[in-house]
Amino acid sequence: MKGEDKLKEIISTLNLLIDEIVSFQSVNPYSKEKHDYCWERVKRWEQRVIKIFENNFSKTEAVRFREINATANLDDSSFMYNAHLRVKIAFIKSLRDDIKNDPDYWSTVVGGTGKSKNLDASTDTLDVIRNWCSRFNLVAKQLANRYDNRETLDINDENDVVDLLHALLKMDFKDIKIEEWQPKYAKKPSRVFLLKEQGLIIEAKKTGVGVGEKELRNQLLVDIERYRRRRGFKTLFCFVYDPDGFIQRPVKLEDDLSHSDGKFEVEVFVGPKMYLV
């Protein structure tokens, strides 16, 4: 199938998905029975969307879609149910409109094969890391809820984030080196992961009191300049763990600091996102 025809098919599919989820908004899940049914129906719809994204784009769009959650800090109620639907609808509509507005770009992404033409080992690696980072908060919460109140790893600072992320990365990567250095802006040394085979550096940050959006932005700028000069590495992935919503414009922070000059690429990933801007 040609790229143009493939895009028309995808746009048609996205419109059907939008119509389906819009129809869910007409149901108010007030009763417990209806509440459970409505949420289960939404979950099944989301699973189909993720599969469609994975089959037609790189996994990045699927990870972003799964990560968006308007109810991250709120109870399940009919109000939050509809808020959740609204952010999912907005995501798909924005993707559909972007495809319409820039078909030349999306034709190269889709390429009629369901995979990006530029997909390579490094892209696969980043997809794996994005997936772990998008689920990091779920893993941290599950660890905090251990059987019989047994001791666990509480995620209180950057070192805790690094320790848990290290364990998760070991699921997919065998050769992970750790480098420690003392930045001037910190009282304690920072640790980063070096994946030499992939030419990838991974660092993790955690927001908190005294480490808000402004401070974090300044830290990342310092780190980026340091790692840009590191020989043998072409990509820096910065995971910012923000469980309490200190970053009010996470998408803007990602867009501002993520870039590539053809020789060195920087990607900033904030999660979980409490705000969708």
C-alpha atoms as a PDB file:
ATOM      1  CA  MET A   1       0.000   0.000   0.000  1.00  0.00           C
ATOM      2  CA  LYS A   2       1.312   3.440  -0.945  1.00  0.00           C
ATOM      3  CA  GLY A   3       2.142   5.927   1.797  1.00  0.00           C
ATOM      4  CA  GLU A   4      -0.717   8.272   0.797  1.00  0.00           C
ATOM      5  CA  ASP A   5      -3.302   5.477   0.846  1.00  0.00           C
ATOM      6  CA  LYS A   6      -1.904   4.214   4.127  1.00  0.00           C
ATOM      7  CA  LEU A   7      -2.329   7.661   5.695  1.00  0.00           C
ATOM      8  CA  LYS A   8      -5.945   7.846   4.521  1.00  0.00           C
ATOM      9  CA  GLU A   9      -6.592   4.466   6.097  1.00  0.00           C
ATOM     10  CA  ILE A  10      -4.961   5.552   9.375  1.00  0.00           C
ATOM     11  CA  ILE A  11      -6.941   8.815   9.481  1.00  0.00           C
ATOM     12  CA  SER A  12     -10.151   6.855   8.914  1.00  0.00           C
ATOM     13  CA  THR A  13      -9.207   4.480  11.742  1.00  0.00           C
ATOM     14  CA  LEU A  14      -8.428   7.377  14.081  1.00  0.00           C
ATOM     15  CA  ASN A  15     -11.810   8.956  13.293  1.00  0.00           C
ATOM     16  CA  LEU A  16     -13.563   5.707  14.183  1.00  0.00           C
ATOM     17  CA  LEU A  17     -11.627   5.499  17.459  1.00  0.00           C
ATOM     18  CA  ILE A  18     -12.584   9.098  18.274  1.00  0.00           C
ATOM     19  CA  ASP A  19     -16.265   8.455  17.525  1.00  0.00           C
ATOM     20  CA  GLU A  20     -16.201   5.363  19.701  1.00  0.00           C
ATOM     21  CA  ILE A  21     -14.637   7.044  22.724  1.00  0.00           C
ATOM     22  CA  VAL A  22     -16.906  10.104  22.340  1.00  0.00           C
ATOM     23  CA  SER A  23     -19.873   7.759  22.647  1.00  0.00           C
ATOM     24  CA  PHE A  24     -18.500   6.617  26.014  1.00  0.00           C
ATOM     25  CA  GLN A  25     -18.922  10.157  27.345  1.00  0.00           C
ATOM     26  CA  SER A  26     -22.705   9.867  27.172  1.00  0.00           C
ATOM     27  CA  VAL A  27     -22.626   7.259  29.940  1.00  0.00           C
ATOM     28  CA  ASN A  28     -22.251   8.471  33.523  1.00  0.00           C
ATOM     29  CA  PRO A  29     -20.811   5.630  35.632  1.00  0.00           C
ATOM     30  CA  TYR A  30     -22.542   6.517  38.891  1.00  0.00           C
ATOM     31  CA  SER A  31     -23.444   3.012  40.084  1.00  0.00           C
ATOM     32  CA  LYS A  32     -20.655   0.642  41.137  1.00  0.00           C
ATOM     33  CA  GLU A  33     -21.669  -1.917  38.510  1.00  0.00           C
ATOM     34  CA  LYS A  34     -21.822   0.640  35.709  1.00  0.00           C
ATOM     35  CA  HIS A  35     -18.596   2.269  36.980  1.00  0.00           C
ATOM     36  CA  ASP A  36     -16.613  -0.967  36.674  1.00  0.00           C
ATOM     37  CA  TYR A  37     -18.101  -1.753  33.267  1.00  0.00           C
ATOM     38  CA  CYS A  38     -17.349   1.710  31.849  1.00  0.00           C
ATOM     39  CA  TRP A  39     -13.735   1.717  33.003  1.00  0.00           C
ATOM     40  CA  GLU A  40     -13.188  -1.803  31.675  1.00  0.00           C
ATOM     41  CA  ARG A  41     -14.574  -0.745  28.295  1.00  0.00           C
ATOM     42  CA  VAL A  42     -12.217   2.232  28.216  1.00  0.00           C
ATOM     43  CA  LYS A  43      -9.243   0.000  29.080  1.00  0.00           C
ATOM     44  CA  ARG A  44     -10.068  -2.343  26.203  1.00  0.00           C
ATOM     45  CA  TRP A  45     -10.378   0.615  23.841  1.00  0.00           C
ATOM     46  CA  GLU A  46      -6.983   1.909  25.000  1.00  0.00           C
ATOM     47  CA  GLN A  47      -5.405  -1.494  24.353  1.00  0.00           C
ATOM     48  CA  ARG A  48      -6.674  -1.400  20.767  1.00  0.00           C
ATOM     49  CA  VAL A  49      -5.362   2.144  20.276  1.00  0.00           C
ATOM     50  CA  ILE A  50      -1.920   1.184  21.590  1.00  0.00           C
ATOM     51  CA  LYS A  51      -1.797  -1.803  19.236  1.00  0.00           C
ATOM     52  CA  ILE A  52      -2.754   0.390  16.278  1.00  0.00           C
ATOM     53  CA  PHE A  53      -0.062   2.913  17.210  1.00  0.00           C
ATOM     54  CA  GLU A  54       2.577   0.184  17.562  1.00  0.00           C
ATOM     55  CA  ASN A  55       1.642  -1.324  14.197  1.00  0.00           C
ATOM     56  CA  ASN A  56       1.640   1.955  12.275  1.00  0.00           C
ATOM     57  CA  PHE A  57       4.193   4.194  14.001  1.00  0.00           C
ATOM     58  CA  SER A  58       7.227   3.720  16.213  1.00  0.00           C
ATOM     59  CA  LYS A  59       6.461   2.712  19.795  1.00  0.00           C
ATOM     60  CA  THR A  60       7.018   6.294  20.938  1.00  0.00           C
ATOM     61  CA  GLU A  61       3.445   7.361  20.157  1.00  0.00           C
ATOM     62  CA  ALA A  62       2.063   4.287  21.937  1.00  0.00           C
ATOM     63  CA  VAL A  63       4.133   5.040  25.036  1.00  0.00           C
ATOM     64  CA  ARG A  64       3.022   8.686  25.058  1.00  0.00           C
ATOM     65  CA  PHE A  65      -0.636   7.699  24.676  1.00  0.00           C
ATOM     66  CA  ARG A  66      -0.424   5.166  27.501  1.00  0.00           C
ATOM     67  CA  GLU A  67       1.360   7.669  29.743  1.00  0.00           C
ATOM     68  CA  ILE A  68      -1.325  10.369  29.515  1.00  0.00           C
ATOM     69  CA  ASN A  69      -3.587  10.023  32.502  1.00  0.00           C
ATOM     70  CA  ALA A  70      -5.802  12.833  33.753  1.00  0.00           C
ATOM     71  CA  THR A  71      -6.667  10.877  36.902  1.00  0.00           C
ATOM     72  CA  ALA A  72      -3.119  10.367  38.179  1.00  0.00           C
ATOM     73  CA  ASN A  73      -3.730  12.102  41.526  1.00  0.00           C
ATOM     74  CA  LEU A  74      -7.513  11.829  41.710  1.00  0.00           C
ATOM     75  CA  ASP A  75     -10.157   9.360  42.787  1.00  0.00           C
ATOM     76  CA  ASP A  76     -12.205   7.368  40.295  1.00  0.00           C
ATOM     77  CA  SER A  77     -15.463   9.267  39.870  1.00  0.00           C
ATOM     78  CA  SER A  78     -17.781  10.142  36.998  1.00  0.00           C
ATOM     79  CA  PHE A  79     -16.047  13.539  36.741  1.00  0.00           C
ATOM     80  CA  MET A  80     -12.592  11.982  36.542  1.00  0.00           C
ATOM     81  CA  TYR A  81     -13.887   9.343  34.142  1.00  0.00           C
ATOM     82  CA  ASN A  82     -14.905  12.023  31.642  1.00  0.00           C
ATOM     83  CA  ALA A  83     -11.700  14.005  32.261  1.00  0.00           C
ATOM     84  CA  HIS A  84      -9.734  10.866  31.399  1.00  0.00           C
ATOM     85  CA  LEU A  85     -11.699  10.441  28.173  1.00  0.00           C
ATOM     86  CA  ARG A  86     -11.127  14.075  27.195  1.00  0.00           C
ATOM     87  CA  VAL A  87      -7.327  13.855  27.350  1.00  0.00           C
ATOM     88  CA  LYS A  88      -7.321  10.616  25.356  1.00  0.00           C
ATOM     89  CA  ILE A  89      -9.586  12.166  22.712  1.00  0.00           C
ATOM     90  CA  ALA A  90      -7.376  15.270  22.549  1.00  0.00           C
ATOM     91  CA  PHE A  91      -4.281  13.135  21.970  1.00  0.00           C
ATOM     92  CA  ILE A  92      -5.788  11.195  19.073  1.00  0.00           C
ATOM     93  CA  LYS A  93      -7.320  14.312  17.496  1.00  0.00           C
ATOM     94  CA  SER A  94      -3.983  16.124  17.640  1.00  0.00           C
ATOM     95  CA  LEU A  95      -2.244  13.142  16.000  1.00  0.00           C
ATOM     96  CA  ARG A  96      -4.932  12.916  13.293  1.00  0.00           C
ATOM     97  CA  ASP A  97      -4.696  16.649  12.569  1.00  0.00           C
ATOM     98  CA  ASP A  98      -0.900  16.535  12.457  1.00  0.00           C
ATOM     99  CA  ILE A  99      -1.074  13.740   9.877  1.00  0.00           C
ATOM    100  CA  LYS A 100      -3.482  15.844   7.790  1.00  0.00           C
ATOM    101  CA  ASN A 101      -1.323  18.968   8.066  1.00  0.00           C
ATOM    102  CA  ASP A 102       2.020  17.284   7.319  1.00  0.00           C
ATOM    103  CA  PRO A 103       1.362  14.210   5.153  1.00  0.00           C
ATOM    104  CA  ASP A 104       4.865  14.295   3.645  1.00  0.00           C
ATOM    105  CA  TYR A 105       6.476  13.731   7.029  1.00  0.00           C
ATOM    106  CA  TRP A 106       4.008  11.067   8.142  1.00  0.00           C
ATOM    107  CA  SER A 107       4.378   9.216   4.844  1.00  0.00           C
ATOM    108  CA  THR A 108       8.052   8.693   5.671  1.00  0.00           C
ATOM    109  CA  VAL A 109       7.172   7.561   9.201  1.00  0.00           C
ATOM    110  CA  VAL A 110       4.522   5.071   8.126  1.00  0.00           C
ATOM    111  CA  GLY A 111       6.178   4.088   4.850  1.00  0.00           C
ATOM    112  CA  GLY A 112       3.421   1.558   4.214  1.00  0.00           C
ATOM    113  CA  THR A 113       5.123  -0.973   6.481  1.00  0.00           C
ATOM    114  CA  GLY A 114       3.894  -0.073   9.939  1.00  0.00           C
ATOM    115  CA  LYS A 115       7.403   0.914  11.017  1.00  0.00           C
ATOM    116  CA  SER A 116       9.476   4.034  10.740  1.00  0.00           C
ATOM    117  CA  LYS A 117      11.972   4.007   7.877  1.00  0.00           C
ATOM    118  CA  ASN A 118      14.543   5.400  10.264  1.00  0.00           C
ATOM    119  CA  LEU A 119      14.036   2.662  12.835  1.00  0.00           C
ATOM    120  CA  ASP A 120      17.386   1.305  13.963  1.00  0.00           C
ATOM    121  CA  ALA A 121      19.004  -0.276  17.012  1.00  0.00           C
ATOM    122  CA  SER A 122      19.243   3.021  18.862  1.00  0.00           C
ATOM    123  CA  THR A 123      15.562   3.771  18.252  1.00  0.00           C
ATOM    124  CA  ASP A 124      14.590   0.328  19.570  1.00  0.00           C
ATOM    125  CA  THR A 125      16.758   0.962  22.622  1.00  0.00           C
ATOM    126  CA  LEU A 126      15.114   4.319  23.307  1.00  0.00           C
ATOM    127  CA  ASP A 127      11.664   2.764  22.931  1.00  0.00           C
ATOM    128  CA  VAL A 128      12.548   0.236  25.626  1.00  0.00           C
ATOM    129  CA  ILE A 129      13.808   2.977  27.949  1.00  0.00           C
ATOM    130  CA  ARG A 130      10.786   5.196  27.313  1.00  0.00           C
ATOM    131  CA  ASN A 131       8.541   2.267  28.151  1.00  0.00           C
ATOM    132  CA  TRP A 132      10.268   1.681  31.503  1.00  0.00           C
ATOM    133  CA  CYS A 133      10.206   5.379  32.338  1.00  0.00           C
ATOM    134  CA  SER A 134       6.522   5.703  31.472  1.00  0.00           C
ATOM    135  CA  ARG A 135       5.756   2.858  33.907  1.00  0.00           C
ATOM    136  CA  PHE A 136       8.305   3.842  36.524  1.00  0.00           C
ATOM    137  CA  ASN A 137       5.745   5.444  38.834  1.00  0.00           C
ATOM    138  CA  LEU A 138       3.523   2.343  38.705  1.00  0.00           C
ATOM    139  CA  VAL A 139       6.481   0.159  39.678  1.00  0.00           C
ATOM    140  CA  ALA A 140       7.445   2.523  42.521  1.00  0.00           C
ATOM    141  CA  LYS A 141       3.885   2.500  43.882  1.00  0.00           C
ATOM    142  CA  GLN A 142       3.697  -1.280  43.708  1.00  0.00           C
ATOM    143  CA  LEU A 143       6.971  -1.642  45.603  1.00  0.00           C
ATOM    144  CA  ALA A 144       5.613   0.648  48.319  1.00  0.00           C
ATOM    145  CA  ASN A 145       2.647  -1.687  48.791  1.00  0.00           C
ATOM    146  CA  ARG A 146       4.458  -4.833  49.922  1.00  0.00           C
ATOM    147  CA  TYR A 147       2.856  -7.838  51.586  1.00  0.00           C
ATOM    148  CA  ASP A 148       2.699  -7.737  55.383  1.00  0.00           C
ATOM    149  CA  ASN A 149       4.268  -4.223  55.410  1.00  0.00           C
ATOM    150  CA  ARG A 150       7.715  -5.619  54.650  1.00  0.00           C
ATOM    151  CA  GLU A 151      10.671  -3.330  54.038  1.00  0.00           C
ATOM    152  CA  THR A 152      10.910  -1.882  50.561  1.00  0.00           C
ATOM    153  CA  LEU A 153      12.655   0.741  48.464  1.00  0.00           C
ATOM    154  CA  ASP A 154      11.086   4.132  49.104  1.00  0.00           C
ATOM    155  CA  ILE A 155      11.697   6.596  46.288  1.00  0.00           C
ATOM    156  CA  ASN A 156      12.692   9.707  48.226  1.00  0.00           C
ATOM    157  CA  ASP A 157      15.546  11.188  46.217  1.00  0.00           C
ATOM    158  CA  GLU A 158      17.564  10.940  43.030  1.00  0.00           C
ATOM    159  CA  ASN A 159      19.678   8.017  44.266  1.00  0.00           C
ATOM    160  CA  ASP A 160      16.534   5.966  44.907  1.00  0.00           C
ATOM    161  CA  VAL A 161      15.367   6.692  41.365  1.00  0.00           C
ATOM    162  CA  VAL A 162      18.754   5.637  39.979  1.00  0.00           C
ATOM    163  CA  ASP A 163      18.721   2.374  41.975  1.00  0.00           C
ATOM    164  CA  LEU A 164      15.249   1.358  40.781  1.00  0.00           C
ATOM    165  CA  LEU A 165      15.911   2.394  37.195  1.00  0.00           C
ATOM    166  CA  HIS A 166      19.141   0.378  37.249  1.00  0.00           C
ATOM    167  CA  ALA A 167      17.184  -2.739  38.232  1.00  0.00           C
ATOM    168  CA  LEU A 168      14.630  -2.157  35.462  1.00  0.00           C
ATOM    169  CA  LEU A 169      17.292  -1.589  32.803  1.00  0.00           C
ATOM    170  CA  LYS A 170      18.927  -4.905  33.699  1.00  0.00           C
ATOM    171  CA  MET A 171      15.809  -6.598  32.313  1.00  0.00           C
ATOM    172  CA  ASP A 172      16.874  -5.589  28.784  1.00  0.00           C
ATOM    173  CA  PHE A 173      20.560  -4.626  28.826  1.00  0.00           C
ATOM    174  CA  LYS A 174      23.514  -6.741  29.905  1.00  0.00           C
ATOM    175  CA  ASP A 175      26.387  -4.274  29.769  1.00  0.00           C
ATOM    176  CA  ILE A 176      25.519  -1.264  31.931  1.00  0.00           C
ATOM    177  CA  LYS A 177      28.370   0.807  33.308  1.00  0.00           C
ATOM    178  CA  ILE A 178      27.860   3.382  36.064  1.00  0.00           C
ATOM    179  CA  GLU A 179      29.789   6.640  36.109  1.00  0.00           C
ATOM    180  CA  GLU A 180      29.856   8.918  39.141  1.00  0.00           C
ATOM    181  CA  TRP A 181      30.700  12.605  39.069  1.00  0.00           C
ATOM    182  CA  GLN A 182      30.319  15.651  41.317  1.00  0.00           C
ATOM    183  CA  PRO A 183      28.391  18.513  39.696  1.00  0.00           C
ATOM    184  CA  LYS A 184      28.890  21.959  41.226  1.00  0.00           C
ATOM    185  CA  TYR A 185      25.147  22.424  41.710  1.00  0.00           C
ATOM    186  CA  ALA A 186      24.773  19.324  43.935  1.00  0.00           C
ATOM    187  CA  LYS A 187      25.987  18.410  47.400  1.00  0.00           C
ATOM    188  CA  LYS A 188      26.292  14.713  46.530  1.00  0.00           C
ATOM    189  CA  PRO A 189      27.747  12.952  43.470  1.00  0.00           C
ATOM    190  CA  SER A 190      25.464  12.041  40.593  1.00  0.00           C
ATOM    191  CA  ARG A 191      25.408   8.653  38.891  1.00  0.00           C
ATOM    192  CA  VAL A 192      24.670   7.997  35.226  1.00  0.00           C
ATOM    193  CA  PHE A 193      24.373   4.825  33.160  1.00  0.00           C
ATOM    194  CA  LEU A 194      26.633   4.223  30.183  1.00  0.00           C
ATOM    195  CA  LEU A 195      25.466   1.836  27.454  1.00  0.00           C
ATOM    196  CA  LYS A 196      28.606   1.850  25.342  1.00  0.00           C
ATOM    197  CA  GLU A 197      27.356  -0.588  22.709  1.00  0.00           C
ATOM    198  CA  GLN A 198      24.386   1.685  21.980  1.00  0.00           C
ATOM    199  CA  GLY A 199      26.405   4.906  22.407  1.00  0.00           C
ATOM    200  CA  LEU A 200      23.864   5.968  25.021  1.00  0.00           C
ATOM    201  CA  ILE A 201      24.083   7.844  28.323  1.00  0.00           C
ATOM    202  CA  ILE A 202      21.107   7.685  30.702  1.00  0.00           C
ATOM    203  CA  GLU A 203      20.668   9.977  33.670  1.00  0.00           C
ATOM    204  CA  ALA A 204      17.817  10.242  36.150  1.00  0.00           C
ATOM    205  CA  LYS A 205      16.544  13.202  38.142  1.00  0.00           C
ATOM    206  CA  LYS A 206      13.870  13.625  40.779  1.00  0.00           C
ATOM    207  CA  THR A 207      11.925  16.765  41.518  1.00  0.00           C
ATOM    208  CA  GLY A 208      11.140  17.813  45.067  1.00  0.00           C
ATOM    209  CA  VAL A 209      11.372  20.671  47.521  1.00  0.00           C
ATOM    210  CA  GLY A 210      14.190  22.895  46.285  1.00  0.00           C
ATOM    211  CA  VAL A 211      14.375  21.074  42.954  1.00  0.00           C
ATOM    212  CA  GLY A 212      11.546  22.540  40.921  1.00  0.00           C
ATOM    213  CA  GLU A 213      11.251  23.225  37.216  1.00  0.00           C
ATOM    214  CA  LYS A 214      13.695  26.156  37.153  1.00  0.00           C
ATOM    215  CA  GLU A 215      16.398  24.363  39.159  1.00  0.00           C
ATOM    216  CA  LEU A 216      15.972  21.193  37.145  1.00  0.00           C
ATOM    217  CA  ARG A 217      16.215  23.021  33.848  1.00  0.00           C
ATOM    218  CA  ASN A 218      19.503  24.641  34.914  1.00  0.00           C
ATOM    219  CA  GLN A 219      20.898  21.299  36.089  1.00  0.00           C
ATOM    220  CA  LEU A 220      20.023  19.586  32.824  1.00  0.00           C
ATOM    221  CA  LEU A 221      21.679  22.329  30.779  1.00  0.00           C
ATOM    222  CA  VAL A 222      24.901  21.785  32.736  1.00  0.00           C
ATOM    223  CA  ASP A 223      24.674  18.009  32.326  1.00  0.00           C
ATOM    224  CA  ILE A 224      23.972  18.226  28.600  1.00  0.00           C
ATOM    225  CA  GLU A 225      27.083  20.308  27.983  1.00  0.00           C
ATOM    226  CA  ARG A 226      29.192  17.886  29.997  1.00  0.00           C
ATOM    227  CA  TYR A 227      28.018  14.725  28.216  1.00  0.00           C
ATOM    228  CA  ARG A 228      28.064  16.298  24.776  1.00  0.00           C
ATOM    229  CA  ARG A 229      31.878  16.174  24.966  1.00  0.00           C
ATOM    230  CA  ARG A 230      31.981  12.512  25.978  1.00  0.00           C
ATOM    231  CA  ARG A 231      33.677  10.465  23.267  1.00  0.00           C
ATOM    232  CA  GLY A 232      32.002   7.339  21.981  1.00  0.00           C
ATOM    233  CA  PHE A 233      28.473   8.418  22.906  1.00  0.00           C
ATOM    234  CA  LYS A 234      25.905  10.010  20.618  1.00  0.00           C
ATOM    235  CA  THR A 235      22.732  10.149  22.723  1.00  0.00           C
ATOM    236  CA  LEU A 236      21.820  11.436  26.180  1.00  0.00           C
ATOM    237  CA  PHE A 237      18.481  10.324  27.647  1.00  0.00           C
ATOM    238  CA  CYS A 238      17.370  12.312  30.700  1.00  0.00           C
ATOM    239  CA  PHE A 239      14.575  10.807  32.793  1.00  0.00           C
ATOM    240  CA  VAL A 240      12.917  13.282  35.146  1.00  0.00           C
ATOM    241  CA  TYR A 241      10.805  11.602  37.812  1.00  0.00           C
ATOM    242  CA  ASP A 242       8.091  14.022  38.917  1.00  0.00           C
ATOM    243  CA  PRO A 243       5.592  12.084  41.083  1.00  0.00           C
ATOM    244  CA  ASP A 244       4.259  15.168  42.873  1.00  0.00           C
ATOM    245  CA  GLY A 245       3.749  17.451  39.888  1.00  0.00           C
ATOM    246  CA  PHE A 246       6.435  20.051  40.580  1.00  0.00           C
ATOM    247  CA  ILE A 247       6.808  20.565  36.822  1.00  0.00           C
ATOM    248  CA  GLN A 248       3.716  22.392  35.626  1.00  0.00           C
ATOM    249  CA  ARG A 249       4.687  22.381  31.941  1.00  0.00           C
ATOM    250  CA  PRO A 250       6.367  18.990  31.402  1.00  0.00           C
ATOM    251  CA  VAL A 251       5.801  18.809  27.640  1.00  0.00           C
ATOM    252  CA  LYS A 252       7.338  22.258  27.147  1.00  0.00           C
ATOM    253  CA  LEU A 253      10.351  21.277  29.256  1.00  0.00           C
ATOM    254  CA  GLU A 254      10.821  18.183  27.100  1.00  0.00           C
ATOM    255  CA  ASP A 255      10.498  20.181  23.870  1.00  0.00           C
ATOM    256  CA  ASP A 256      12.816  22.963  25.052  1.00  0.00           C
ATOM    257  CA  LEU A 257      15.686  20.697  26.070  1.00  0.00           C
ATOM    258  CA  SER A 258      15.349  17.785  23.626  1.00  0.00           C
ATOM    259  CA  HIS A 259      17.334  18.364  20.445  1.00  0.00           C
ATOM    260  CA  SER A 260      19.801  16.937  17.952  1.00  0.00           C
ATOM    261  CA  ASP A 261      22.590  18.603  16.000  1.00  0.00           C
ATOM    262  CA  GLY A 262      23.313  15.551  13.866  1.00  0.00           C
ATOM    263  CA  LYS A 263      26.232  14.489  16.033  1.00  0.00           C
ATOM    264  CA  PHE A 264      24.684  14.363  19.497  1.00  0.00           C
ATOM    265  CA  GLU A 265      21.054  13.841  20.443  1.00  0.00           C
ATOM    266  CA  VAL A 266      19.370  14.803  23.723  1.00  0.00           C
ATOM    267  CA  GLU A 267      15.996  13.499  24.831  1.00  0.00           C
ATOM    268  CA  VAL A 268      14.292  14.640  28.039  1.00  0.00           C
ATOM    269  CA  PHE A 269      11.448  12.504  29.355  1.00  0.00           C
ATOM    270  CA  VAL A 270       9.247  13.663  32.256  1.00  0.00           C
ATOM    271  CA  GLY A 271       7.052  11.163  34.028  1.00  0.00           C
ATOM    272  CA  PRO A 272       4.468  10.902  35.293  1.00  0.00           C
ATOM    273  CA  LYS A 273       2.936  13.982  33.682  1.00  0.00           C
ATOM    274  CA  MET A 274       0.431  15.659  35.966  1.00  0.00           C
ATOM    275  CA  TYR A 275      -0.160  18.375  33.378  1.00  0.00           C
ATOM    276  CA  LEU A 276      -0.530  17.966  29.622  1.00  0.00           C
ATOM    277  CA  VAL A 277       1.359  21.097  28.524  1.00  0.00           C
END
